[in-house]
Amino acid sequence: MHEDVEEVLISEKELQERIKKLSRGISEEYKGRCVTLVGVLKGCVLFLSDLLKQLKIETNVDFMMLSSYAGAQSTGVVRTILDLKQNIEGRDVLIIEDIVDSGLTMNYMLKNLKTRGPKSLEICTLLDKPSCRKARVPIKYAGFVIPDKFVVGYGLDYNELYRNLPYIGVLKRSAL
């Protein structure tokens, strides 16, 4: 365990087992269809990669980068830093997110993508932190519901550090 991590909340093994279950559900839901996976950068990278390897359906992959954080705090203002390259009109779209906490970023993203006319639009998040919700968002697939703790690892960062940890860990207050 990294010295800045207080506890391992979700182990590498638990992550991989849950991702397999999520991929089976997604593959069944979209059987016979091609789904466009929209990864929310940068935190989704490991989750999206592992999920994609398990899916048994046709997929397209694209990315968006949105920002509403400064350090450990949400600013409440969402900015689009990188937009989709593909046209999603008439397509089944599944947003792949690392964590939904306040819901503000995801709410912004949903509104934005709905204006582009997708056939369907759903959310798949690795981590759901409903106790922090400020905006209601319909999460179709959630890996884990977690408590209100600041987590890092498996793509999640604090000031661009800790993304490479193979587990989800709670960061020590002294590291913030």
Foldseek 3Di string as FASTA:
>chain_A
DDPQFPWFPWALVLLLVLLLVLQVVVLVVQPPFEEEEEEEPDQQVLVCVSNVVNHPHHYHYWYWYKDQDDFQDGVLDIDTPGDTPDQQAAHHYEYEEAEQAQCSNVVVVVVVNVVSHHPHYAYAYAEYADVRYNDDDDHPHYRYYDYPADWAECRRDGVPPRPPHSGIGGGDPVVD
